[in-house]
C-alpha cells in the first residue's frame, strides 16, 4: 500500500506491506530505507531483525534430505 503520512512526526511517502513471510514492512518509498519491520503472525523461520530491517533466517529451519520441522 502506498501512503503519504506522518512517521515519527515527519511527513513521509511510505510503502507498507504485510508479507506472507509473517512480517509487516514500512519503507520510505523515496529512498527504499526500512523504517519499521515487525512480525504480525507467529514467525519461526527467522531469528529476528537485523539493523537494516531485514529478517535474519534461522539456518536450522532450512530444508534437508532428512526433513525439518
PDB file of N, CA and C in Angstrom:
ATOM      1  N   UNK A   1       0.841  -1.133   0.000  1.00  0.00           N
ATOM      2  CA  UNK A   1       0.000   0.000   0.000  1.00  0.00           C
ATOM      3  C   UNK A   1       0.913   1.231   0.000  1.00  0.00           C
ATOM      4  N   UNK A   2       0.612   2.188  -0.858  1.00  0.00           N
ATOM      5  CA  UNK A   2       1.349   3.447  -0.910  1.00  0.00           C
ATOM      6  C   UNK A   2       0.583   4.480  -0.108  1.00  0.00           C
ATOM      7  N   UNK A   3       1.282   5.151   0.816  1.00  0.00           N
ATOM      8  CA  UNK A   3       0.635   6.087   1.722  1.00  0.00           C
ATOM      9  C   UNK A   3       1.509   7.325   1.876  1.00  0.00           C
ATOM     10  N   UNK A   4       0.876   8.477   1.887  1.00  0.00           N
ATOM     11  CA  UNK A   4       1.538   9.718   2.285  1.00  0.00           C
ATOM     12  C   UNK A   4       1.042  10.020   3.695  1.00  0.00           C
ATOM     13  N   UNK A   5       1.933   9.932   4.692  1.00  0.00           N
ATOM     14  CA  UNK A   5       1.515  10.080   6.087  1.00  0.00           C
ATOM     15  C   UNK A   5       2.687  10.558   6.932  1.00  0.00           C
ATOM     16  N   UNK A   6       2.390  10.923   8.172  1.00  0.00           N
ATOM     17  CA  UNK A   6       3.448  11.272   9.120  1.00  0.00           C
ATOM     18  C   UNK A   6       4.013   9.995   9.722  1.00  0.00           C
ATOM     19  N   UNK A   7       5.320   9.964   9.854  1.00  0.00           N
ATOM     20  CA  UNK A   7       6.009   8.858  10.511  1.00  0.00           C
ATOM     21  C   UNK A   7       7.019   9.476  11.447  1.00  0.00           C
ATOM     22  N   UNK A   8       6.894   9.209  12.730  1.00  0.00           N
ATOM     23  CA  UNK A   8       7.741   9.825  13.754  1.00  0.00           C
ATOM     24  C   UNK A   8       7.732  11.351  13.645  1.00  0.00           C
ATOM     25  N   UNK A   9       6.560  11.912  13.368  1.00  0.00           N
ATOM     26  CA  UNK A   9       6.396  13.358  13.332  1.00  0.00           C
ATOM     27  C   UNK A   9       6.818  14.046  12.055  1.00  0.00           C
ATOM     28  N   UNK A  10       7.234  13.284  11.051  1.00  0.00           N
ATOM     29  CA  UNK A  10       7.670  13.874   9.782  1.00  0.00           C
ATOM     30  C   UNK A  10       6.790  13.361   8.647  1.00  0.00           C
ATOM     31  N   UNK A  11       6.405  14.243   7.706  1.00  0.00           N
ATOM     32  CA  UNK A  11       5.646  13.758   6.544  1.00  0.00           C
ATOM     33  C   UNK A  11       6.543  12.875   5.679  1.00  0.00           C
ATOM     34  N   UNK A  12       6.032  11.701   5.313  1.00  0.00           N
ATOM     35  CA  UNK A  12       6.817  10.749   4.520  1.00  0.00           C
ATOM     36  C   UNK A  12       5.946  10.132   3.450  1.00  0.00           C
ATOM     37  N   UNK A  13       6.598   9.667   2.397  1.00  0.00           N
ATOM     38  CA  UNK A  13       5.963   8.851   1.364  1.00  0.00           C
ATOM     39  C   UNK A  13       6.335   7.415   1.707  1.00  0.00           C
ATOM     40  N   UNK A  14       5.335   6.617   2.065  1.00  0.00           N
ATOM     41  CA  UNK A  14       5.578   5.283   2.598  1.00  0.00           C
ATOM     42  C   UNK A  14       5.073   4.191   1.671  1.00  0.00           C
ATOM     43  N   UNK A  15       5.739   3.050   1.767  1.00  0.00           N
ATOM     44  CA  UNK A  15       5.272   1.807   1.171  1.00  0.00           C
ATOM     45  C   UNK A  15       5.103   0.848   2.342  1.00  0.00           C
ATOM     46  N   UNK A  16       3.899   0.290   2.510  1.00  0.00           N
ATOM     47  CA  UNK A  16       3.641  -0.638   3.603  1.00  0.00           C
ATOM     48  C   UNK A  16       3.203  -1.974   3.015  1.00  0.00           C
ATOM     49  N   UNK A  17       3.785  -3.061   3.536  1.00  0.00           N
ATOM     50  CA  UNK A  17       3.472  -4.393   3.009  1.00  0.00           C
ATOM     51  C   UNK A  17       3.411  -5.404   4.138  1.00  0.00           C
ATOM     52  N   UNK A  18       2.322  -6.138   4.187  1.00  0.00           N
ATOM     53  CA  UNK A  18       2.217  -7.307   5.060  1.00  0.00           C
ATOM     54  C   UNK A  18       2.586  -8.501   4.186  1.00  0.00           C
ATOM     55  N   UNK A  19       3.769  -9.026   4.400  1.00  0.00           N
ATOM     56  CA  UNK A  19       4.287 -10.090   3.546  1.00  0.00           C
ATOM     57  C   UNK A  19       3.836 -11.458   4.037  1.00  0.00           C
ATOM     58  N   UNK A  20       3.780 -12.413   3.127  1.00  0.00           N
ATOM     59  CA  UNK A  20       3.373 -13.767   3.518  1.00  0.00           C
ATOM     60  C   UNK A  20       4.433 -14.463   4.375  1.00  0.00           C
ATOM     61  N   UNK A  21       5.589 -13.818   4.562  1.00  0.00           N
ATOM     62  CA  UNK A  21       6.608 -14.398   5.431  1.00  0.00           C
ATOM     63  C   UNK A  21       6.332 -14.102   6.909  1.00  0.00           C
ATOM     64  N   UNK A  22       5.236 -13.384   7.205  1.00  0.00           N
ATOM     65  CA  UNK A  22       4.844 -13.115   8.584  1.00  0.00           C
ATOM     66  C   UNK A  22       5.288 -11.769   9.120  1.00  0.00           C
ATOM     67  N   UNK A  23       5.954 -10.977   8.296  1.00  0.00           N
ATOM     68  CA  UNK A  23       6.436  -9.661   8.730  1.00  0.00           C
ATOM     69  C   UNK A  23       5.691  -8.540   8.023  1.00  0.00           C
ATOM     70  N   UNK A  24       5.544  -7.427   8.740  1.00  0.00           N
ATOM     71  CA  UNK A  24       4.954  -6.207   8.199  1.00  0.00           C
ATOM     72  C   UNK A  24       6.092  -5.215   8.017  1.00  0.00           C
ATOM     73  N   UNK A  25       6.238  -4.691   6.802  1.00  0.00           N
ATOM     74  CA  UNK A  25       7.329  -3.788   6.466  1.00  0.00           C
ATOM     75  C   UNK A  25       6.795  -2.390   6.191  1.00  0.00           C
ATOM     76  N   UNK A  26       7.492  -1.382   6.693  1.00  0.00           N
ATOM     77  CA  UNK A  26       7.211   0.017   6.360  1.00  0.00           C
ATOM     78  C   UNK A  26       8.506   0.589   5.802  1.00  0.00           C
ATOM     79  N   UNK A  27       8.456   1.027   4.538  1.00  0.00           N
ATOM     80  CA  UNK A  27       9.627   1.567   3.856  1.00  0.00           C
ATOM     81  C   UNK A  27       9.361   2.995   3.419  1.00  0.00           C
ATOM     82  N   UNK A  28      10.423   3.811   3.382  1.00  0.00           N
ATOM     83  CA  UNK A  28      10.343   5.126   2.754  1.00  0.00           C
ATOM     84  C   UNK A  28      10.466   4.876   1.261  1.00  0.00           C
ATOM     85  N   UNK A  29       9.422   5.183   0.517  1.00  0.00           N
ATOM     86  CA  UNK A  29       9.438   4.825  -0.903  1.00  0.00           C
ATOM     87  C   UNK A  29      10.270   5.773  -1.747  1.00  0.00           C
ATOM     88  N   UNK A  30      10.771   6.863  -1.179  1.00  0.00           N
ATOM     89  CA  UNK A  30      11.640   7.756  -1.946  1.00  0.00           C
ATOM     90  C   UNK A  30      13.074   7.256  -1.989  1.00  0.00           C
ATOM     91  N   UNK A  31      13.485   6.486  -0.962  1.00  0.00           N
ATOM     92  CA  UNK A  31      14.875   6.029  -0.921  1.00  0.00           C
ATOM     93  C   UNK A  31      15.018   4.535  -0.593  1.00  0.00           C
ATOM     94  N   UNK A  32      13.911   3.853  -0.295  1.00  0.00           N
ATOM     95  CA  UNK A  32      13.955   2.428  -0.004  1.00  0.00           C
ATOM     96  C   UNK A  32      14.378   2.075   1.405  1.00  0.00           C
ATOM     97  N   UNK A  33      14.598   3.063   2.267  1.00  0.00           N
ATOM     98  CA  UNK A  33      15.062   2.806   3.626  1.00  0.00           C
ATOM     99  C   UNK A  33      13.955   2.160   4.454  1.00  0.00           C
ATOM    100  N   UNK A  34      14.333   1.117   5.198  1.00  0.00           N
ATOM    101  CA  UNK A  34      13.392   0.448   6.089  1.00  0.00           C
ATOM    102  C   UNK A  34      13.164   1.327   7.314  1.00  0.00           C
ATOM    103  N   UNK A  35      11.900   1.610   7.601  1.00  0.00           N
ATOM    104  CA  UNK A  35      11.566   2.419   8.765  1.00  0.00           C
ATOM    105  C   UNK A  35      11.071   1.562   9.920  1.00  0.00           C
ATOM    106  N   UNK A  36      10.398   0.460   9.607  1.00  0.00           N
ATOM    107  CA  UNK A  36       9.894  -0.423  10.641  1.00  0.00           C
ATOM    108  C   UNK A  36       9.654  -1.795  10.050  1.00  0.00           C
ATOM    109  N   UNK A  37      10.048  -2.827  10.785  1.00  0.00           N
ATOM    110  CA  UNK A  37       9.749  -4.211  10.436  1.00  0.00           C
ATOM    111  C   UNK A  37       9.270  -4.886  11.708  1.00  0.00           C
ATOM    112  N   UNK A  38       8.117  -5.524  11.635  1.00  0.00           N
ATOM    113  CA  UNK A  38       7.561  -6.173  12.814  1.00  0.00           C
ATOM    114  C   UNK A  38       6.793  -7.417  12.401  1.00  0.00           C
ATOM    115  N   UNK A  39       6.850  -8.473  13.225  1.00  0.00           N
ATOM    116  CA  UNK A  39       6.054  -9.659  12.919  1.00  0.00           C
ATOM    117  C   UNK A  39       4.579  -9.364  13.178  1.00  0.00           C
ATOM    118  N   UNK A  40       3.700  -9.880  12.318  1.00  0.00           N
ATOM    119  CA  UNK A  40       2.263  -9.737  12.548  1.00  0.00           C
ATOM    120  C   UNK A  40       1.607 -11.097  12.731  1.00  0.00           C
ATOM    121  N   UNK A  41       2.392 -12.149  12.657  1.00  0.00           N
ATOM    122  CA  UNK A  41       1.924 -13.516  12.871  1.00  0.00           C
ATOM    123  C   UNK A  41       3.063 -14.282  13.547  1.00  0.00           C
ATOM    124  N   UNK A  42       2.782 -15.500  13.960  1.00  0.00           N
ATOM    125  CA  UNK A  42       3.831 -16.327  14.555  1.00  0.00           C
ATOM    126  C   UNK A  42       4.886 -16.622  13.495  1.00  0.00           C
ATOM    127  N   UNK A  43       6.126 -16.305  13.816  1.00  0.00           N
ATOM    128  CA  UNK A  43       7.244 -16.485  12.875  1.00  0.00           C
ATOM    129  C   UNK A  43       8.270 -17.398  13.529  1.00  0.00           C
ATOM    130  N   UNK A  44       8.581 -18.536  12.883  1.00  0.00           N
ATOM    131  CA  UNK A  44       9.594 -19.433  13.444  1.00  0.00           C
ATOM    132  C   UNK A  44      10.759 -19.658  12.483  1.00  0.00           C
ATOM    133  N   UNK A  45      10.716 -19.057  11.321  1.00  0.00           N
ATOM    134  CA  UNK A  45      11.768 -19.268  10.326  1.00  0.00           C
ATOM    135  C   UNK A  45      12.897 -18.238  10.462  1.00  0.00           C
ATOM    136  N   UNK A  46      12.684 -17.191  11.266  1.00  0.00           N
ATOM    137  CA  UNK A  46      13.692 -16.137  11.421  1.00  0.00           C
ATOM    138  C   UNK A  46      14.075 -15.995  12.892  1.00  0.00           C
ATOM    139  N   UNK A  47      15.338 -15.615  13.128  1.00  0.00           N
ATOM    140  CA  UNK A  47      15.833 -15.419  14.485  1.00  0.00           C
ATOM    141  C   UNK A  47      15.573 -14.012  14.992  1.00  0.00           C
ATOM    142  N   UNK A  48      15.230 -13.093  14.106  1.00  0.00           N
ATOM    143  CA  UNK A  48      14.998 -11.708  14.495  1.00  0.00           C
ATOM    144  C   UNK A  48      15.153 -10.787  13.301  1.00  0.00           C
ATOM    145  N   UNK A  49      15.387  -9.513  13.577  1.00  0.00           N
ATOM    146  CA  UNK A  49      15.512  -8.477  12.550  1.00  0.00           C
ATOM    147  C   UNK A  49      16.912  -7.874  12.644  1.00  0.00           C
ATOM    148  N   UNK A  50      17.576  -7.668  11.501  1.00  0.00           N
ATOM    149  CA  UNK A  50      18.898  -7.039  11.535  1.00  0.00           C
ATOM    150  C   UNK A  50      18.765  -5.517  11.582  1.00  0.00           C
ATOM    151  N   UNK A  51      19.875  -4.819  11.623  1.00  0.00           N
ATOM    152  CA  UNK A  51      19.877  -3.357  11.760  1.00  0.00           C
ATOM    153  C   UNK A  51      19.294  -2.638  10.549  1.00  0.00           C
ATOM    154  N   UNK A  52      19.176  -3.336   9.423  1.00  0.00           N
ATOM    155  CA  UNK A  52      18.599  -2.736   8.218  1.00  0.00           C
ATOM    156  C   UNK A  52      17.115  -3.090   8.054  1.00  0.00           C
ATOM    157  N   UNK A  53      16.534  -3.775   9.050  1.00  0.00           N
ATOM    158  CA  UNK A  53      15.121  -4.116   9.000  1.00  0.00           C
ATOM    159  C   UNK A  53      14.801  -5.383   8.244  1.00  0.00           C
ATOM    160  N   UNK A  54      15.813  -6.205   7.996  1.00  0.00           N
ATOM    161  CA  UNK A  54      15.601  -7.464   7.268  1.00  0.00           C
ATOM    162  C   UNK A  54      15.541  -8.635   8.242  1.00  0.00           C
ATOM    163  N   UNK A  55      14.629  -9.589   8.024  1.00  0.00           N
ATOM    164  CA  UNK A  55      14.605 -10.786   8.862  1.00  0.00           C
ATOM    165  C   UNK A  55      15.913 -11.574   8.730  1.00  0.00           C
ATOM    166  N   UNK A  56      16.369 -12.136   9.847  1.00  0.00           N
ATOM    167  CA  UNK A  56      17.576 -12.969   9.869  1.00  0.00           C
ATOM    168  C   UNK A  56      17.124 -14.430   9.839  1.00  0.00           C
ATOM    169  N   UNK A  57      17.366 -15.146   8.736  1.00  0.00           N
ATOM    170  CA  UNK A  57      16.907 -16.539   8.647  1.00  0.00           C
ATOM    171  C   UNK A  57      17.550 -17.429   9.711  1.00  0.00           C
ATOM    172  N   UNK A  58      16.774 -18.363  10.229  1.00  0.00           N
ATOM    173  CA  UNK A  58      17.270 -19.372  11.163  1.00  0.00           C
ATOM    174  C   UNK A  58      17.728 -20.561  10.323  1.00  0.00           C
ATOM    175  N   UNK A  59      19.030 -20.777  10.265  1.00  0.00           N
ATOM    176  CA  UNK A  59      19.596 -21.827   9.407  1.00  0.00           C
ATOM    177  C   UNK A  59      19.100 -23.215   9.784  1.00  0.00           C
ATOM    178  N   UNK A  60      18.685 -23.407  11.027  1.00  0.00           N
ATOM    179  CA  UNK A  60      18.196 -24.737  11.429  1.00  0.00           C
ATOM    180  C   UNK A  60      16.825 -25.047  10.823  1.00  0.00           C
ATOM    181  N   UNK A  61      16.172 -24.070  10.208  1.00  0.00           N
ATOM    182  CA  UNK A  61      14.865 -24.277   9.573  1.00  0.00           C
ATOM    183  C   UNK A  61      14.968 -24.529   8.076  1.00  0.00           C
ATOM    184  N   UNK A  62      16.177 -24.518   7.514  1.00  0.00           N
ATOM    185  CA  UNK A  62      16.338 -24.749   6.077  1.00  0.00           C
ATOM    186  C   UNK A  62      16.095 -26.221   5.751  1.00  0.00           C
ATOM    187  N   UNK A  63      15.542 -26.511   4.579  1.00  0.00           N
ATOM    188  CA  UNK A  63      15.247 -27.894   4.191  1.00  0.00           C
ATOM    189  C   UNK A  63      16.488 -28.775   4.137  1.00  0.00           C
ATOM    190  N   UNK A  64      16.321 -30.032   4.518  1.00  0.00           N
ATOM    191  CA  UNK A  64      17.387 -31.039   4.413  1.00  0.00           C
ATOM    192  C   UNK A  64      16.766 -32.310   3.835  1.00  0.00           C
ATOM    193  N   UNK A  65      17.607 -33.250   3.403  1.00  0.00           N
ATOM    194  CA  UNK A  65      17.081 -34.519   2.879  1.00  0.00           C
ATOM    195  C   UNK A  65      16.298 -35.280   3.954  1.00  0.00           C
ATOM    196  N   UNK A  66      16.747 -35.161   5.192  1.00  0.00           N
ATOM    197  CA  UNK A  66      16.074 -35.863   6.290  1.00  0.00           C
ATOM    198  C   UNK A  66      14.774 -35.156   6.690  1.00  0.00           C
ATOM    199  N   UNK A  67      14.624 -33.908   6.320  1.00  0.00           N
ATOM    200  CA  UNK A  67      13.431 -33.142   6.665  1.00  0.00           C
ATOM    201  C   UNK A  67      13.691 -32.217   7.846  1.00  0.00           C
ATOM    202  N   UNK A  68      12.868 -31.215   7.941  1.00  0.00           N
ATOM    203  CA  UNK A  68      12.989 -30.243   9.031  1.00  0.00           C
ATOM    204  C   UNK A  68      11.593 -29.889   9.501  1.00  0.00           C
ATOM    205  N   UNK A  69      11.406 -29.827  10.804  1.00  0.00           N
ATOM    206  CA  UNK A  69      10.116 -29.416  11.346  1.00  0.00           C
ATOM    207  C   UNK A  69      10.042 -27.907  11.370  1.00  0.00           C
TER     208      UNK A  69
END
